Amino acid sequence: MAKLNKEDFISSLKEMNLLEIKELVDAMKEEFGVDPSAVAVAAPAAGGAAADEGPSAVTVSIADAGAAKVAVIKVVKEITGLGLKEAKDIVDANGVVKENIPTAEADEIKAKLEEAGATVEVK
């Protein structure tokens, strides 16, 4: 197998959808025992002052799709830009809708999802 350079890896990432990238991150966690997203978030948080203000980047995930699952799938599709199947997979798995986003954007997404009938977690 040929060694993959940084430019090729990044261009491959650009061709992936959100679900494929999540699967890649999960595989990296399993293979290397390290969460690449935690490393990226931990470095800026070490500043000290930002820790007092609360998290600057949060993750929005679905805790429960509720009775109006179709409406929730449509909102997830709109928010993420994914296809219908990928959005449905996220909703079915009570998965992550968006990661490492500003709290203001997370609040907007949470409001949209709750309006559609979902129970949402912001971490």
Protein backbone atom coordinates (compact mmCIF):
# COMPACT_ATOMS: atom_id res chain seq x y z
CA MET A 1 0.00 0.00 0.00
CA ALA A 2 1.35 3.39 -0.96
CA LYS A 3 1.88 5.97 1.74
CA LEU A 4 -0.83 8.65 1.73
CA ASN A 5 0.47 12.21 1.96
CA LYS A 6 -1.28 15.06 3.72
CA GLU A 7 -2.68 16.65 0.54
CA ASP A 8 -4.17 13.36 -0.69
CA PHE A 9 -5.71 12.69 2.71
CA ILE A 10 -7.32 16.14 2.85
CA SER A 11 -8.67 15.85 -0.69
CA SER A 12 -10.15 12.46 0.25
CA LEU A 13 -11.84 14.05 3.27
CA LYS A 14 -13.40 16.71 1.05
CA GLU A 15 -15.11 13.97 -0.96
CA MET A 16 -16.65 12.31 2.14
CA ASN A 17 -20.01 13.10 3.68
CA LEU A 18 -20.46 13.70 7.41
CA LEU A 19 -21.39 10.10 8.18
CA GLU A 20 -18.29 8.75 6.41
CA ILE A 21 -16.07 11.19 8.31
CA LYS A 22 -17.66 10.14 11.60
CA GLU A 23 -16.95 6.49 10.75
CA LEU A 24 -13.34 7.43 9.94
CA VAL A 25 -12.94 9.20 13.29
CA ASP A 26 -14.43 6.20 15.10
CA ALA A 27 -12.00 3.88 13.29
CA MET A 28 -9.09 6.14 14.28
CA LYS A 29 -10.25 6.03 17.91
CA GLU A 30 -10.35 2.24 17.78
CA GLU A 31 -7.04 1.80 15.95
CA PHE A 32 -4.93 4.37 17.81
CA GLY A 33 -6.83 4.85 21.06
CA VAL A 34 -6.98 8.60 20.49
CA ASP A 35 -9.95 10.81 19.69
CA PRO A 36 -8.71 13.21 16.97
CA SER A 37 -11.55 15.65 17.64
CA ALA A 38 -10.71 15.79 21.37
CA VAL A 39 -7.11 16.71 20.58
CA ALA A 40 -8.23 19.53 18.30
CA VAL A 41 -10.64 20.91 20.90
CA ALA A 42 -8.36 20.46 23.91
CA ALA A 43 -5.54 22.63 22.60
CA PRO A 44 -7.46 25.93 22.43
CA ALA A 45 -9.25 25.25 25.73
CA ALA A 46 -5.92 25.13 27.56
CA GLY A 47 -5.81 28.95 27.46
CA GLY A 48 -7.56 29.22 30.83
CA ALA A 49 -9.78 32.25 30.24
CA ALA A 50 -11.99 30.42 27.79
CA ALA A 51 -12.70 27.71 30.37
CA ASP A 52 -14.34 30.27 32.67
CA GLU A 53 -16.82 31.31 29.97
CA GLY A 54 -18.02 27.76 29.31
CA PRO A 55 -17.37 25.72 26.21
CA SER A 56 -16.77 27.70 23.04
CA ALA A 57 -17.39 24.70 20.80
CA VAL A 58 -20.15 22.21 21.48
CA THR A 59 -21.72 19.11 19.94
CA VAL A 60 -25.43 18.79 19.14
CA SER A 61 -26.88 15.30 19.18
CA ILE A 62 -30.35 13.79 19.16
CA ALA A 63 -31.44 12.09 22.38
CA ASP A 64 -34.84 11.03 21.03
CA ALA A 65 -36.51 11.67 17.68
CA GLY A 66 -39.98 11.73 19.22
CA ALA A 67 -43.24 10.94 17.47
CA ALA A 68 -42.60 13.19 14.44
CA LYS A 69 -39.51 11.31 13.24
CA VAL A 70 -40.00 12.31 9.58
CA ALA A 71 -40.00 16.01 10.49
CA VAL A 72 -36.81 15.53 12.52
CA ILE A 73 -35.13 13.74 9.60
CA LYS A 74 -36.02 16.65 7.30
CA VAL A 75 -34.53 19.16 9.75
CA VAL A 76 -31.33 17.10 10.13
CA LYS A 77 -31.08 16.88 6.33
CA GLU A 78 -31.48 20.66 6.06
CA ILE A 79 -28.95 21.42 8.81
CA THR A 80 -26.23 19.00 7.70
CA GLY A 81 -26.67 19.07 3.94
CA LEU A 82 -26.61 15.27 3.91
CA GLY A 83 -28.78 13.05 1.80
CA LEU A 84 -32.06 11.65 3.08
CA LYS A 85 -30.60 8.24 3.95
CA GLU A 86 -27.66 9.69 5.88
CA ALA A 87 -29.97 12.05 7.79
CA LYS A 88 -32.27 9.12 8.60
CA ASP A 89 -29.29 7.09 9.83
CA ILE A 90 -28.31 9.89 12.22
CA VAL A 91 -31.85 10.18 13.57
CA ASP A 92 -32.27 6.39 13.90
CA ALA A 93 -29.01 6.09 15.82
CA ASN A 94 -29.74 9.14 18.02
CA GLY A 95 -26.47 10.39 16.62
CA VAL A 96 -24.48 13.57 16.43
CA VAL A 97 -25.95 16.25 14.19
CA LYS A 98 -23.02 18.70 14.32
CA GLU A 99 -19.75 18.75 16.23
CA ASN A 100 -17.44 21.53 17.37
CA ILE A 101 -19.75 24.41 16.58
CA PRO A 102 -20.21 27.73 18.40
CA THR A 103 -22.81 27.74 21.17
CA ALA A 104 -24.95 30.29 19.33
CA GLU A 105 -25.23 28.00 16.29
CA ALA A 106 -25.91 25.05 18.59
CA ASP A 107 -28.79 26.93 20.21
CA GLU A 108 -30.33 27.63 16.79
CA ILE A 109 -30.01 23.99 15.75
CA LYS A 110 -31.44 22.82 19.06
CA ALA A 111 -34.45 25.12 18.63
CA LYS A 112 -35.12 23.81 15.10
CA LEU A 113 -34.87 20.18 16.18
CA GLU A 114 -37.05 20.68 19.25
CA GLU A 115 -39.62 22.47 17.13
CA ALA A 116 -39.71 19.38 14.90
CA GLY A 117 -40.32 17.22 17.98
CA ALA A 118 -36.89 15.88 18.90
CA THR A 119 -35.19 15.81 22.27
CA VAL A 120 -31.74 17.32 21.84
CA GLU A 121 -28.49 17.21 23.84
CA VAL A 122 -25.88 19.95 23.63
CA LYS A 123 -22.50 18.97 25.09
